[in-house]
Amino acid sequence: MKLKGKVHKYGANVDTDAIVPARHLNLSEPADLARHCMEDLDADFVCKVCHGDLIVAETNFGSGSSREHAPLAIKGCGVSAVVAKSFARIFYRNAMNIGLPIVECPEAVDETRAGDTLEIDLDTGQITNVTRKRTYQAKPFPPFMLELIADGGLIEHTKKRLAKSKRRATR
């Protein structure tokens, strides 16, 4: 699976309250959450972000509370992946559960600037900064996680597997 998009770059310790402020936690639909994504950190983010764009950040991205609202807001904006030096563990799990790819690659983060274009090959872990003509290697996703991402997250993946199992049982 290959992704390509323009970079929106942020610093270290972007917590879940910065991704979607707590005052909007009464919302649960990704499109509704997306309207408030990064609003306290970058008020223009929702106006600048385009479908397929990428977030690149320093360390500890997604720290804070364990709410799924943060990755839902990011995915709802059309962001195709987040690349960071490191992620908070609960954010990592929540992102994978909703099918938002997150990639750890310190070298790519260090050499990428806002506005650059990145290509990410999730199958191989290769990240190419098209703007700067540099290539980096992240750890590739295992096949079961690629399938989970391709299916749109854990719930959709489970529905697909159950439907497949049900079809086999009726034969």
Protein backbone atom coordinates (compact mmCIF):
# COMPACT_ATOMS: atom_id res chain seq x y z
CA MET A 1 0.00 0.00 0.00
CA LYS A 2 1.49 3.34 -1.08
CA LEU A 3 0.61 6.77 0.25
CA LYS A 4 1.68 10.17 -1.02
CA GLY A 5 0.94 13.60 0.38
CA LYS A 6 2.02 17.02 1.51
CA VAL A 7 3.54 17.34 4.98
CA HIS A 8 2.09 19.27 7.91
CA LYS A 9 4.87 19.32 10.52
CA TYR A 10 4.59 19.61 14.29
CA GLY A 11 6.90 19.43 17.28
CA ALA A 12 7.20 17.10 20.24
CA ASN A 13 4.53 16.05 22.73
CA VAL A 14 1.48 16.83 20.59
CA ASP A 15 -1.12 15.45 22.97
CA THR A 16 -4.66 14.30 22.32
CA ASP A 17 -6.05 17.61 23.64
CA ALA A 18 -4.04 19.45 20.99
CA ILE A 19 -5.25 17.05 18.30
CA VAL A 20 -8.92 17.47 19.29
CA PRO A 21 -9.72 19.74 22.24
CA ALA A 22 -11.65 18.19 25.11
CA ARG A 23 -14.53 20.64 24.61
CA HIS A 24 -15.43 18.67 21.46
CA LEU A 25 -15.52 15.22 23.04
CA ASN A 26 -19.30 15.15 22.83
CA LEU A 27 -18.77 14.49 19.10
CA SER A 28 -18.08 11.00 17.81
CA GLU A 29 -18.37 11.07 14.01
CA PRO A 30 -15.02 11.44 12.23
CA ALA A 31 -16.32 14.24 9.95
CA ASP A 32 -17.53 16.24 12.96
CA LEU A 33 -14.28 15.71 14.86
CA ALA A 34 -12.27 16.62 11.76
CA ARG A 35 -13.63 20.17 11.83
CA HIS A 36 -11.80 20.68 15.13
CA CYS A 37 -8.58 18.79 14.41
CA MET A 38 -5.51 20.67 15.65
CA GLU A 39 -7.56 23.85 16.15
CA ASP A 40 -5.76 24.95 19.34
CA LEU A 41 -2.32 24.05 17.96
CA ASP A 42 -2.75 25.19 14.35
CA ALA A 43 -5.96 27.14 13.77
CA ASP A 44 -5.55 26.95 9.97
CA PHE A 45 -4.92 23.19 9.81
CA VAL A 46 -8.44 22.22 8.70
CA CYS A 47 -8.29 24.85 5.95
CA LYS A 48 -4.85 23.72 4.73
CA VAL A 49 -5.15 19.93 4.93
CA CYS A 50 -6.10 18.01 1.80
CA HIS A 51 -7.13 14.39 1.37
CA GLY A 52 -3.99 12.23 1.43
CA ASP A 53 -1.80 14.74 3.28
CA LEU A 54 0.54 13.57 6.04
CA ILE A 55 1.35 14.72 9.54
CA VAL A 56 5.02 14.57 10.53
CA ALA A 57 5.91 15.18 14.17
CA GLU A 58 8.72 14.86 16.67
CA THR A 59 8.55 12.57 19.72
CA ASN A 60 5.63 11.32 21.82
CA PHE A 61 2.88 12.14 19.33
CA GLY A 62 -0.59 11.43 20.73
CA SER A 63 0.30 11.52 24.40
CA GLY A 64 -2.38 12.24 26.96
CA SER A 65 -5.73 10.57 27.30
CA SER A 66 -6.72 7.24 25.83
CA ARG A 67 -9.60 8.58 23.73
CA GLU A 68 -10.05 7.43 20.13
CA HIS A 69 -11.28 10.90 19.18
CA ALA A 70 -7.76 12.07 18.29
CA PRO A 71 -6.94 9.53 15.55
CA LEU A 72 -10.57 9.68 14.35
CA ALA A 73 -10.23 13.46 13.88
CA ILE A 74 -6.96 13.04 11.99
CA LYS A 75 -8.36 10.35 9.73
CA GLY A 76 -11.58 12.31 9.30
CA CYS A 77 -9.57 15.25 7.90
CA GLY A 78 -8.26 12.99 5.15
CA VAL A 79 -4.76 12.60 6.58
CA SER A 80 -3.44 9.33 5.18
CA ALA A 81 -0.72 8.67 7.80
CA VAL A 82 1.32 10.13 10.63
CA VAL A 83 5.11 9.87 10.69
CA ALA A 84 6.88 10.62 13.97
CA LYS A 85 9.99 9.81 15.94
CA SER A 86 7.79 8.08 18.52
CA PHE A 87 4.14 7.70 19.51
CA ALA A 88 2.33 7.36 22.79
CA ARG A 89 1.42 3.68 23.15
CA ILE A 90 -2.33 4.19 23.53
CA PHE A 91 -2.43 6.52 20.51
CA TYR A 92 -0.56 3.89 18.49
CA ARG A 93 -3.16 1.25 19.39
CA ASN A 94 -6.12 3.56 18.78
CA ALA A 95 -4.74 4.67 15.41
CA MET A 96 -4.20 1.11 14.25
CA ASN A 97 -7.68 0.11 15.50
CA ILE A 98 -9.28 2.73 13.25
CA GLY A 99 -6.99 2.03 10.30
CA LEU A 100 -4.78 5.14 10.49
CA PRO A 101 -1.22 4.15 9.57
CA ILE A 102 1.45 5.55 11.87
CA VAL A 103 5.10 5.17 11.05
CA GLU A 104 8.14 5.69 13.28
CA CYS A 105 11.16 7.04 11.43
CA PRO A 106 13.36 9.58 13.25
CA GLU A 107 15.60 10.21 10.22
CA ALA A 108 12.66 11.12 7.99
CA VAL A 109 11.28 13.46 10.65
CA ASP A 110 14.63 15.23 11.08
CA GLU A 111 15.03 15.93 7.36
CA THR A 112 11.42 16.73 6.43
CA ARG A 113 9.95 20.22 6.41
CA ALA A 114 6.36 21.46 6.26
CA GLY A 115 5.19 21.50 2.66
CA ASP A 116 7.48 18.69 1.50
CA THR A 117 5.89 15.78 -0.35
CA LEU A 118 6.44 12.29 1.05
CA GLU A 119 5.71 8.90 -0.44
CA ILE A 120 5.32 6.02 1.99
CA ASP A 121 5.32 2.37 1.00
CA LEU A 122 3.66 0.63 3.95
CA ASP A 123 4.58 -2.81 2.56
CA THR A 124 8.32 -2.14 2.60
CA GLY A 125 8.58 0.68 5.15
CA GLN A 126 10.32 2.91 2.62
CA ILE A 127 9.68 6.64 2.96
CA THR A 128 10.76 8.94 0.14
CA ASN A 129 10.92 12.68 0.53
CA VAL A 130 10.12 13.57 -3.08
CA THR A 131 10.89 17.26 -2.48
CA ARG A 132 14.37 16.66 -1.06
CA LYS A 133 15.11 13.47 -3.02
CA ARG A 134 15.95 11.45 0.10
CA THR A 135 14.87 7.95 1.08
CA TYR A 136 14.51 6.51 4.58
CA GLN A 137 13.76 3.09 5.98
CA ALA A 138 11.12 2.52 8.62
CA LYS A 139 10.06 -0.84 9.93
CA PRO A 140 7.48 -2.30 7.52
CA PHE A 141 4.05 -3.30 8.78
CA PRO A 142 3.47 -7.05 9.14
CA PRO A 143 0.90 -8.48 6.71
CA PHE A 144 -1.91 -8.75 9.29
CA MET A 145 -1.57 -5.03 10.12
CA LEU A 146 -1.52 -4.07 6.44
CA GLU A 147 -4.76 -6.02 6.05
CA LEU A 148 -6.27 -4.24 9.05
CA ILE A 149 -5.31 -0.83 7.58
CA ALA A 150 -6.58 -1.75 4.11
CA ASP A 151 -9.92 -2.85 5.60
CA GLY A 152 -10.33 0.51 7.38
CA GLY A 153 -9.61 -0.59 10.93
CA LEU A 154 -10.37 -3.33 13.41
CA ILE A 155 -14.17 -3.16 13.26
CA GLU A 156 -14.35 -3.28 9.46
CA HIS A 157 -11.67 -5.97 9.37
CA THR A 158 -13.63 -8.07 11.87
CA LYS A 159 -16.87 -7.61 9.90
CA LYS A 160 -15.08 -8.75 6.74
CA ARG A 161 -13.63 -11.82 8.45
CA LEU A 162 -16.99 -12.75 10.01
CA ALA A 163 -18.75 -12.41 6.65
CA LYS A 164 -16.11 -14.59 5.02
CA SER A 165 -16.44 -17.17 7.80
CA LYS A 166 -20.21 -17.14 7.48
CA ARG A 167 -20.01 -17.72 3.68
CA ARG A 168 -17.72 -20.70 4.24
CA ALA A 169 -20.05 -22.15 6.88
CA THR A 170 -23.05 -22.04 4.53
CA ARG A 171 -21.33 -23.96 1.73
